[in-house]
C-alpha cells in the first residue's frame, strides 16, 4: 500500500530520488535482491525489458493499474555471472523478466522515469545470512562500476502481530516495545559494524523470531551489505526509520563508505 499511501517511507524514497537526480548520482543500473523473488539457487532475470508484476491479491484495485516498465540489463547479467561464478557460487541466468512488488514499488518513487536498467536477483531463502553476505561480497566490484546493489525487504515483518486485532488496525499506531528493541539493536550493531552479531541476529537480536517468524524479508539486507564489504566489515548506516501498524519497520540502510553521502 506504500504505492498509494506513501507515508514517511514513501516520501523518503521520493526525496532520495530527487536528491540523487539533482546531484547527478543516478546509477548506471540497479541489481535488486527482493524478498519476493525466491529460488532454489541464485537466478538473474536478464530480460531486455521488465514490467511490474502484481504479485498480490485483495488490495485496492488502483494498485493493479500501476505500471513500471523498465529496461533490463542482460549485459550486466553476464558481468554478474562472471563475478559470482568466480567466487565459487552457483548462479543461473534466464532471459525472462518481471519486477515483483518489492522492486517496482520503491523504484517507482526513487527512479520514477523507469529509465535505469534493472536486474532482479532471485535468491535462496534457505541460505544463511553468512552465505548471502558472501553472495553480496562477490558483487562488490559493481559498486565502483556505477551499479547499485539493493536489498528489498522489511526490517521487521510479522503479519500475525500486525493483524492480531483485525484487518483494520491503525497504521499510525505507536511502536510496540518489541519492534523498537529489534530495530534499534540492528541500528546500533550496524553502526558498530558488528557483523558477528548481525549475522547471528536470530539468536542475538531481541525478539528476533517474533519480528521475523520466517527469514525472507530480512535476508536481502545481507546481500546489500556484502556488496559493500570489499576486504573489511562495512558500517550499516540507518538512513531512515519509520513504521506502520506499530510493527512493520520501514527502515532504510546504506552500507560502506558511500553511505554517509546518502545520509
C-alpha atoms as a PDB file:
ATOM      1  CA  UNK A   1       0.000   0.000   0.000  1.00  0.00           C
ATOM      2  CA  UNK A   2       3.007   2.312   0.138  1.00  0.00           C
ATOM      3  CA  UNK A   3       2.415   2.950  -3.576  1.00  0.00           C
ATOM      4  CA  UNK A   4      -0.958   4.552  -2.752  1.00  0.00           C
ATOM      5  CA  UNK A   5      -0.325   5.706   0.817  1.00  0.00           C
ATOM      6  CA  UNK A   6       3.362   6.609   0.866  1.00  0.00           C
ATOM      7  CA  UNK A   7       3.568   7.810   4.476  1.00  0.00           C
ATOM      8  CA  UNK A   8       7.054   8.551   5.778  1.00  0.00           C
ATOM      9  CA  UNK A   9       8.896   5.798   3.915  1.00  0.00           C
ATOM     10  CA  UNK A  10       7.409   6.602   0.514  1.00  0.00           C
ATOM     11  CA  UNK A  11       8.138  10.294   0.940  1.00  0.00           C
ATOM     12  CA  UNK A  12      11.709   9.473   1.922  1.00  0.00           C
ATOM     13  CA  UNK A  13      12.174   7.276  -1.170  1.00  0.00           C
ATOM     14  CA  UNK A  14      10.875  10.102  -3.339  1.00  0.00           C
ATOM     15  CA  UNK A  15      13.143  12.694  -1.740  1.00  0.00           C
ATOM     16  CA  UNK A  16      16.129  10.369  -2.135  1.00  0.00           C
ATOM     17  CA  UNK A  17      15.407  10.141  -5.849  1.00  0.00           C
ATOM     18  CA  UNK A  18      15.088  13.904  -6.179  1.00  0.00           C
ATOM     19  CA  UNK A  19      18.418  14.468  -4.437  1.00  0.00           C
ATOM     20  CA  UNK A  20      20.211  11.833  -6.498  1.00  0.00           C
ATOM     21  CA  UNK A  21      18.898  13.279  -9.745  1.00  0.00           C
ATOM     22  CA  UNK A  22      19.873  16.801  -8.708  1.00  0.00           C
ATOM     23  CA  UNK A  23      23.393  15.709  -7.805  1.00  0.00           C
ATOM     24  CA  UNK A  24      23.923  13.662 -10.961  1.00  0.00           C
ATOM     25  CA  UNK A  25      24.426  10.462  -8.954  1.00  0.00           C
ATOM     26  CA  UNK A  26      21.800   8.269 -10.572  1.00  0.00           C
ATOM     27  CA  UNK A  27      23.067   4.714 -11.012  1.00  0.00           C
ATOM     28  CA  UNK A  28      24.063   3.129 -14.296  1.00  0.00           C
ATOM     29  CA  UNK A  29      21.904   0.135 -13.348  1.00  0.00           C
ATOM     30  CA  UNK A  30      20.366  -1.438 -10.259  1.00  0.00           C
ATOM     31  CA  UNK A  31      20.630  -5.040  -9.135  1.00  0.00           C
ATOM     32  CA  UNK A  32      17.881  -5.903  -6.643  1.00  0.00           C
ATOM     33  CA  UNK A  33      17.537  -8.872  -4.319  1.00  0.00           C
ATOM     34  CA  UNK A  34      13.907  -8.797  -3.206  1.00  0.00           C
ATOM     35  CA  UNK A  35      12.106 -10.797  -0.526  1.00  0.00           C
ATOM     36  CA  UNK A  36       9.518 -11.762  -3.153  1.00  0.00           C
ATOM     37  CA  UNK A  37      11.752 -13.389  -5.791  1.00  0.00           C
ATOM     38  CA  UNK A  38      12.931 -16.661  -4.272  1.00  0.00           C
ATOM     39  CA  UNK A  39      14.596 -19.657  -5.954  1.00  0.00           C
ATOM     40  CA  UNK A  40      16.500 -22.823  -5.033  1.00  0.00           C
ATOM     41  CA  UNK A  41      19.755 -21.283  -6.301  1.00  0.00           C
ATOM     42  CA  UNK A  42      20.523 -17.671  -7.280  1.00  0.00           C
ATOM     43  CA  UNK A  43      18.930 -16.617 -10.569  1.00  0.00           C
ATOM     44  CA  UNK A  44      19.274 -13.428 -12.605  1.00  0.00           C
ATOM     45  CA  UNK A  45      16.223 -12.285 -14.582  1.00  0.00           C
ATOM     46  CA  UNK A  46      18.058 -10.904 -17.607  1.00  0.00           C
ATOM     47  CA  UNK A  47      15.233  -9.920 -19.954  1.00  0.00           C
ATOM     48  CA  UNK A  48      15.811  -6.822 -22.113  1.00  0.00           C
ATOM     49  CA  UNK A  49      12.598  -5.266 -20.707  1.00  0.00           C
ATOM     50  CA  UNK A  50      10.661  -5.600 -17.453  1.00  0.00           C
ATOM     51  CA  UNK A  51       7.119  -4.840 -16.376  1.00  0.00           C
ATOM     52  CA  UNK A  52       5.607  -4.588 -12.920  1.00  0.00           C
ATOM     53  CA  UNK A  53       4.284  -7.895 -11.590  1.00  0.00           C
ATOM     54  CA  UNK A  54       1.178  -7.523  -9.407  1.00  0.00           C
ATOM     55  CA  UNK A  55       2.051 -10.429  -7.159  1.00  0.00           C
ATOM     56  CA  UNK A  56      -0.625  -9.873  -4.507  1.00  0.00           C
ATOM     57  CA  UNK A  57      -4.372 -10.139  -4.123  1.00  0.00           C
ATOM     58  CA  UNK A  58      -7.242  -8.456  -2.331  1.00  0.00           C
ATOM     59  CA  UNK A  59      -5.836  -4.917  -2.358  1.00  0.00           C
ATOM     60  CA  UNK A  60      -7.114  -1.606  -3.687  1.00  0.00           C
ATOM     61  CA  UNK A  61      -7.924  -2.005  -7.424  1.00  0.00           C
ATOM     62  CA  UNK A  62      -5.839   1.060  -8.222  1.00  0.00           C
ATOM     63  CA  UNK A  63      -2.691  -0.911  -7.379  1.00  0.00           C
ATOM     64  CA  UNK A  64      -3.276  -3.284 -10.284  1.00  0.00           C
ATOM     65  CA  UNK A  65      -3.332  -0.386 -12.730  1.00  0.00           C
ATOM     66  CA  UNK A  66       0.109   0.859 -11.733  1.00  0.00           C
ATOM     67  CA  UNK A  67       2.984   0.141 -14.095  1.00  0.00           C
ATOM     68  CA  UNK A  68       6.745   0.291 -14.002  1.00  0.00           C
ATOM     69  CA  UNK A  69       8.134  -0.698 -17.394  1.00  0.00           C
ATOM     70  CA  UNK A  70      11.902  -0.519 -17.043  1.00  0.00           C
ATOM     71  CA  UNK A  71      14.766  -1.657 -19.258  1.00  0.00           C
ATOM     72  CA  UNK A  72      16.512  -4.859 -18.298  1.00  0.00           C
ATOM     73  CA  UNK A  73      20.254  -5.421 -18.048  1.00  0.00           C
ATOM     74  CA  UNK A  74      21.305  -8.530 -19.990  1.00  0.00           C
ATOM     75  CA  UNK A  75      24.848  -7.217 -20.487  1.00  0.00           C
ATOM     76  CA  UNK A  76      25.204  -6.606 -16.755  1.00  0.00           C
ATOM     77  CA  UNK A  77      23.920 -10.139 -16.128  1.00  0.00           C
ATOM     78  CA  UNK A  78      26.942 -11.558 -17.927  1.00  0.00           C
ATOM     79  CA  UNK A  79      29.244  -9.475 -15.730  1.00  0.00           C
ATOM     80  CA  UNK A  80      27.449 -10.549 -12.554  1.00  0.00           C
ATOM     81  CA  UNK A  81      27.546 -14.199 -13.580  1.00  0.00           C
ATOM     82  CA  UNK A  82      31.310 -13.986 -14.053  1.00  0.00           C
ATOM     83  CA  UNK A  83      31.755 -12.423 -10.607  1.00  0.00           C
ATOM     84  CA  UNK A  84      29.550 -14.917  -8.792  1.00  0.00           C
ATOM     85  CA  UNK A  85      30.967 -17.954 -10.562  1.00  0.00           C
ATOM     86  CA  UNK A  86      34.433 -16.609  -9.868  1.00  0.00           C
ATOM     87  CA  UNK A  87      33.591 -16.684  -6.165  1.00  0.00           C
ATOM     88  CA  UNK A  88      32.674 -20.355  -6.454  1.00  0.00           C
ATOM     89  CA  UNK A  89      28.931 -19.780  -6.040  1.00  0.00           C
ATOM     90  CA  UNK A  90      26.097 -21.053  -8.238  1.00  0.00           C
ATOM     91  CA  UNK A  91      24.137 -18.653 -10.434  1.00  0.00           C
ATOM     92  CA  UNK A  92      21.687 -19.104 -13.292  1.00  0.00           C
ATOM     93  CA  UNK A  93      20.787 -16.518 -15.942  1.00  0.00           C
ATOM     94  CA  UNK A  94      17.326 -16.517 -17.522  1.00  0.00           C
ATOM     95  CA  UNK A  95      16.200 -14.300 -20.395  1.00  0.00           C
ATOM     96  CA  UNK A  96      12.936 -13.697 -18.539  1.00  0.00           C
ATOM     97  CA  UNK A  97      11.617 -10.564 -16.888  1.00  0.00           C
ATOM     98  CA  UNK A  98       9.234  -9.092 -14.358  1.00  0.00           C
ATOM     99  CA  UNK A  99       9.628  -6.919 -11.265  1.00  0.00           C
ATOM    100  CA  UNK A 100       7.917  -8.087  -8.091  1.00  0.00           C
ATOM    101  CA  UNK A 101       6.307  -5.506  -5.826  1.00  0.00           C
ATOM    102  CA  UNK A 102       9.358  -5.382  -3.576  1.00  0.00           C
ATOM    103  CA  UNK A 103      11.231  -3.978  -6.580  1.00  0.00           C
ATOM    104  CA  UNK A 104       8.862  -1.784  -8.577  1.00  0.00           C
ATOM    105  CA  UNK A 105       7.115  -0.041  -5.691  1.00  0.00           C
ATOM    106  CA  UNK A 106      10.245   1.592  -4.202  1.00  0.00           C
ATOM    107  CA  UNK A 107      11.883   2.130  -7.613  1.00  0.00           C
ATOM    108  CA  UNK A 108       8.740   3.880  -8.831  1.00  0.00           C
ATOM    109  CA  UNK A 109       9.441   6.572  -6.220  1.00  0.00           C
ATOM    110  CA  UNK A 110      13.252   6.647  -6.330  1.00  0.00           C
ATOM    111  CA  UNK A 111      13.646   6.358 -10.123  1.00  0.00           C
ATOM    112  CA  UNK A 112      10.215   7.468 -11.349  1.00  0.00           C
ATOM    113  CA  UNK A 113      11.094   7.720 -15.046  1.00  0.00           C
ATOM    114  CA  UNK A 114      11.889   3.980 -15.272  1.00  0.00           C
ATOM    115  CA  UNK A 115      14.941   4.847 -17.351  1.00  0.00           C
ATOM    116  CA  UNK A 116      17.568   2.915 -15.357  1.00  0.00           C
ATOM    117  CA  UNK A 117      18.172  -0.758 -16.249  1.00  0.00           C
ATOM    118  CA  UNK A 118      17.056  -3.219 -13.568  1.00  0.00           C
ATOM    119  CA  UNK A 119      18.496  -6.670 -12.919  1.00  0.00           C
ATOM    120  CA  UNK A 120      16.476  -8.759 -10.416  1.00  0.00           C
ATOM    121  CA  UNK A 121      18.467 -11.303  -8.439  1.00  0.00           C
ATOM    122  CA  UNK A 122      16.294 -14.117  -7.140  1.00  0.00           C
ATOM    123  CA  UNK A 123      17.925 -15.947  -4.255  1.00  0.00           C
ATOM    124  CA  UNK A 124      17.534 -18.991  -1.963  1.00  0.00           C
ATOM    125  CA  UNK A 125      15.691 -18.251   1.292  1.00  0.00           C
ATOM    126  CA  UNK A 126      17.326 -21.324   2.814  1.00  0.00           C
ATOM    127  CA  UNK A 127      20.771 -19.739   2.648  1.00  0.00           C
ATOM    128  CA  UNK A 128      22.158 -18.364   5.894  1.00  0.00           C
ATOM    129  CA  UNK A 129      22.923 -14.672   6.429  1.00  0.00           C
ATOM    130  CA  UNK A 130      26.629 -15.532   6.105  1.00  0.00           C
ATOM    131  CA  UNK A 131      26.074 -17.243   2.743  1.00  0.00           C
ATOM    132  CA  UNK A 132      24.078 -14.291   1.419  1.00  0.00           C
ATOM    133  CA  UNK A 133      26.725 -11.887   2.716  1.00  0.00           C
ATOM    134  CA  UNK A 134      29.261 -13.876   0.662  1.00  0.00           C
ATOM    135  CA  UNK A 135      26.978 -13.654  -2.379  1.00  0.00           C
ATOM    136  CA  UNK A 136      26.908  -9.894  -1.889  1.00  0.00           C
ATOM    137  CA  UNK A 137      30.682  -9.803  -1.461  1.00  0.00           C
ATOM    138  CA  UNK A 138      31.039 -11.350  -4.923  1.00  0.00           C
ATOM    139  CA  UNK A 139      29.094  -8.349  -6.269  1.00  0.00           C
ATOM    140  CA  UNK A 140      31.382  -5.768  -4.625  1.00  0.00           C
ATOM    141  CA  UNK A 141      33.182  -4.720  -7.858  1.00  0.00           C
ATOM    142  CA  UNK A 142      29.846  -3.486  -9.232  1.00  0.00           C
ATOM    143  CA  UNK A 143      29.785  -0.634  -6.724  1.00  0.00           C
ATOM    144  CA  UNK A 144      32.731   1.071  -8.419  1.00  0.00           C
ATOM    145  CA  UNK A 145      31.106   0.480 -11.819  1.00  0.00           C
ATOM    146  CA  UNK A 146      28.086   2.663 -11.080  1.00  0.00           C
ATOM    147  CA  UNK A 147      25.704  -0.161 -10.172  1.00  0.00           C
ATOM    148  CA  UNK A 148      23.513  -0.048  -7.091  1.00  0.00           C
ATOM    149  CA  UNK A 149      23.087  -3.304  -5.190  1.00  0.00           C
ATOM    150  CA  UNK A 150      19.755  -3.118  -3.345  1.00  0.00           C
ATOM    151  CA  UNK A 151      18.234  -5.450  -0.785  1.00  0.00           C
ATOM    152  CA  UNK A 152      14.453  -5.010  -0.639  1.00  0.00           C
ATOM    153  CA  UNK A 153      12.561  -6.472   2.295  1.00  0.00           C
ATOM    154  CA  UNK A 154      11.445  -5.228   5.703  1.00  0.00           C
ATOM    155  CA  UNK A 155      13.430  -4.733   8.889  1.00  0.00           C
ATOM    156  CA  UNK A 156      10.521  -6.307  10.814  1.00  0.00           C
ATOM    157  CA  UNK A 157       7.839  -8.489   9.255  1.00  0.00           C
ATOM    158  CA  UNK A 158       5.333 -10.449  11.334  1.00  0.00           C
ATOM    159  CA  UNK A 159       1.870 -10.029   9.811  1.00  0.00           C
ATOM    160  CA  UNK A 160       0.270 -12.107  12.555  1.00  0.00           C
ATOM    161  CA  UNK A 161       1.288  -9.475  15.069  1.00  0.00           C
ATOM    162  CA  UNK A 162       0.217  -6.676  12.741  1.00  0.00           C
ATOM    163  CA  UNK A 163      -3.301  -8.042  12.281  1.00  0.00           C
ATOM    164  CA  UNK A 164      -3.784  -9.662  15.686  1.00  0.00           C
ATOM    165  CA  UNK A 165      -6.567  -7.176  16.398  1.00  0.00           C
ATOM    166  CA  UNK A 166      -8.210  -7.476  12.989  1.00  0.00           C
ATOM    167  CA  UNK A 167      -7.573  -6.354   9.418  1.00  0.00           C
ATOM    168  CA  UNK A 168      -8.323  -2.699  10.079  1.00  0.00           C
ATOM    169  CA  UNK A 169      -5.612  -1.786  12.529  1.00  0.00           C
ATOM    170  CA  UNK A 170      -4.244   1.723  12.940  1.00  0.00           C
ATOM    171  CA  UNK A 171      -1.434   2.474  10.528  1.00  0.00           C
ATOM    172  CA  UNK A 172      -0.241   5.199  12.883  1.00  0.00           C
ATOM    173  CA  UNK A 173      -0.326   3.011  15.988  1.00  0.00           C
ATOM    174  CA  UNK A 174       2.571   3.692  18.378  1.00  0.00           C
ATOM    175  CA  UNK A 175       5.597   1.471  18.088  1.00  0.00           C
ATOM    176  CA  UNK A 176       5.485  -1.715  20.113  1.00  0.00           C
ATOM    177  CA  UNK A 177       8.388  -2.217  22.531  1.00  0.00           C
ATOM    178  CA  UNK A 178       9.417  -5.391  20.704  1.00  0.00           C
ATOM    179  CA  UNK A 179       9.636  -3.703  17.307  1.00  0.00           C
ATOM    180  CA  UNK A 180      11.553  -0.762  18.740  1.00  0.00           C
ATOM    181  CA  UNK A 181      14.031  -3.009  20.552  1.00  0.00           C
ATOM    182  CA  UNK A 182      14.717  -5.097  17.458  1.00  0.00           C
ATOM    183  CA  UNK A 183      15.083  -2.136  15.088  1.00  0.00           C
ATOM    184  CA  UNK A 184      17.301  -0.189  17.474  1.00  0.00           C
ATOM    185  CA  UNK A 185      19.505  -3.235  18.047  1.00  0.00           C
ATOM    186  CA  UNK A 186      20.035  -3.514  14.297  1.00  0.00           C
ATOM    187  CA  UNK A 187      20.888   0.176  14.041  1.00  0.00           C
ATOM    188  CA  UNK A 188      23.349   0.006  16.936  1.00  0.00           C
ATOM    189  CA  UNK A 189      25.078  -3.178  15.765  1.00  0.00           C
ATOM    190  CA  UNK A 190      25.153  -1.840  12.211  1.00  0.00           C
ATOM    191  CA  UNK A 191      26.773   1.442  13.266  1.00  0.00           C
ATOM    192  CA  UNK A 192      29.414  -0.579  15.111  1.00  0.00           C
ATOM    193  CA  UNK A 193      29.941  -2.881  12.081  1.00  0.00           C
ATOM    194  CA  UNK A 194      29.356  -5.811  14.453  1.00  0.00           C
ATOM    195  CA  UNK A 195      28.854  -8.442  11.784  1.00  0.00           C
ATOM    196  CA  UNK A 196      29.292 -11.470  14.066  1.00  0.00           C
ATOM    197  CA  UNK A 197      26.207 -10.267  15.949  1.00  0.00           C
ATOM    198  CA  UNK A 198      24.268  -9.204  12.844  1.00  0.00           C
ATOM    199  CA  UNK A 199      24.900 -12.497  11.060  1.00  0.00           C
ATOM    200  CA  UNK A 200      23.591 -14.300  14.160  1.00  0.00           C
ATOM    201  CA  UNK A 201      20.604 -11.954  14.516  1.00  0.00           C
ATOM    202  CA  UNK A 202      18.049 -14.719  15.054  1.00  0.00           C
ATOM    203  CA  UNK A 203      19.596 -15.710  18.369  1.00  0.00           C
ATOM    204  CA  UNK A 204      21.222 -12.392  19.344  1.00  0.00           C
ATOM    205  CA  UNK A 205      18.698  -9.689  18.412  1.00  0.00           C
ATOM    206  CA  UNK A 206      15.927  -9.012  20.934  1.00  0.00           C
ATOM    207  CA  UNK A 207      12.644 -10.633  19.865  1.00  0.00           C
ATOM    208  CA  UNK A 208      14.262 -11.934  16.668  1.00  0.00           C
ATOM    209  CA  UNK A 209      11.912 -14.879  15.966  1.00  0.00           C
ATOM    210  CA  UNK A 210       8.893 -12.748  16.850  1.00  0.00           C
ATOM    211  CA  UNK A 211       9.863  -9.976  14.435  1.00  0.00           C
ATOM    212  CA  UNK A 212      10.660 -12.493  11.662  1.00  0.00           C
ATOM    213  CA  UNK A 213       8.883 -15.843  12.008  1.00  0.00           C
ATOM    214  CA  UNK A 214      10.428 -16.593   8.613  1.00  0.00           C
ATOM    215  CA  UNK A 215      13.648 -15.008   7.393  1.00  0.00           C
ATOM    216  CA  UNK A 216      12.989 -13.923   3.811  1.00  0.00           C
ATOM    217  CA  UNK A 217      12.124 -10.266   4.477  1.00  0.00           C
ATOM    218  CA  UNK A 218      15.343  -9.607   6.403  1.00  0.00           C
ATOM    219  CA  UNK A 219      17.855 -11.628   4.392  1.00  0.00           C
ATOM    220  CA  UNK A 220      18.189  -9.150   1.459  1.00  0.00           C
ATOM    221  CA  UNK A 221      19.887  -6.845   3.988  1.00  0.00           C
ATOM    222  CA  UNK A 222      22.908  -9.158   3.941  1.00  0.00           C
ATOM    223  CA  UNK A 223      23.242  -9.264   0.162  1.00  0.00           C
ATOM    224  CA  UNK A 224      23.421  -5.474   0.001  1.00  0.00           C
ATOM    225  CA  UNK A 225      25.792  -5.334   2.961  1.00  0.00           C
ATOM    226  CA  UNK A 226      28.134  -7.873   1.419  1.00  0.00           C
ATOM    227  CA  UNK A 227      28.430  -5.795  -1.741  1.00  0.00           C
ATOM    228  CA  UNK A 228      29.988  -3.017   0.352  1.00  0.00           C
ATOM    229  CA  UNK A 229      32.317  -5.338   2.218  1.00  0.00           C
ATOM    230  CA  UNK A 230      35.382  -5.450  -0.020  1.00  0.00           C
ATOM    231  CA  UNK A 231      38.054  -6.702   2.328  1.00  0.00           C
ATOM    232  CA  UNK A 232      36.597  -5.260   5.508  1.00  0.00           C
ATOM    233  CA  UNK A 233      33.488  -5.004   7.659  1.00  0.00           C
ATOM    234  CA  UNK A 234      31.168  -2.276   6.349  1.00  0.00           C
ATOM    235  CA  UNK A 235      29.252   0.075   8.585  1.00  0.00           C
ATOM    236  CA  UNK A 236      25.486  -0.251   8.168  1.00  0.00           C
ATOM    237  CA  UNK A 237      24.091   3.272   8.454  1.00  0.00           C
ATOM    238  CA  UNK A 238      20.374   3.709   9.099  1.00  0.00           C
ATOM    239  CA  UNK A 239      19.242   6.490   6.760  1.00  0.00           C
ATOM    240  CA  UNK A 240      15.528   6.398   7.515  1.00  0.00           C
ATOM    241  CA  UNK A 241      13.298   4.940  10.192  1.00  0.00           C
ATOM    242  CA  UNK A 242       9.520   4.682  10.287  1.00  0.00           C
ATOM    243  CA  UNK A 243       6.897   2.025  10.733  1.00  0.00           C
ATOM    244  CA  UNK A 244       3.249   1.192  10.138  1.00  0.00           C
ATOM    245  CA  UNK A 245       0.715  -0.521  12.425  1.00  0.00           C
ATOM    246  CA  UNK A 246       3.202  -0.148  15.271  1.00  0.00           C
ATOM    247  CA  UNK A 247       5.055  -3.229  13.991  1.00  0.00           C
ATOM    248  CA  UNK A 248       6.192  -3.131  10.366  1.00  0.00           C
ATOM    249  CA  UNK A 249       9.554  -1.395  10.241  1.00  0.00           C
ATOM    250  CA  UNK A 250      10.229   0.596   7.076  1.00  0.00           C
ATOM    251  CA  UNK A 251      13.837   1.436   7.968  1.00  0.00           C
ATOM    252  CA  UNK A 252      16.340   2.032   5.159  1.00  0.00           C
ATOM    253  CA  UNK A 253      20.070   1.320   5.373  1.00  0.00           C
ATOM    254  CA  UNK A 254      23.136   2.044   3.291  1.00  0.00           C
ATOM    255  CA  UNK A 255      26.476   0.306   3.640  1.00  0.00           C
ATOM    256  CA  UNK A 256      30.115   1.190   3.411  1.00  0.00           C
ATOM    257  CA  UNK A 257      31.972   4.472   2.844  1.00  0.00           C
ATOM    258  CA  UNK A 258      29.400   5.950   0.453  1.00  0.00           C
ATOM    259  CA  UNK A 259      26.555   5.592   2.953  1.00  0.00           C
ATOM    260  CA  UNK A 260      27.340   8.951   4.544  1.00  0.00           C
ATOM    261  CA  UNK A 261      26.720  10.696   1.211  1.00  0.00           C
ATOM    262  CA  UNK A 262      23.213   9.267   1.039  1.00  0.00           C
ATOM    263  CA  UNK A 263      22.533  10.295   4.612  1.00  0.00           C
END
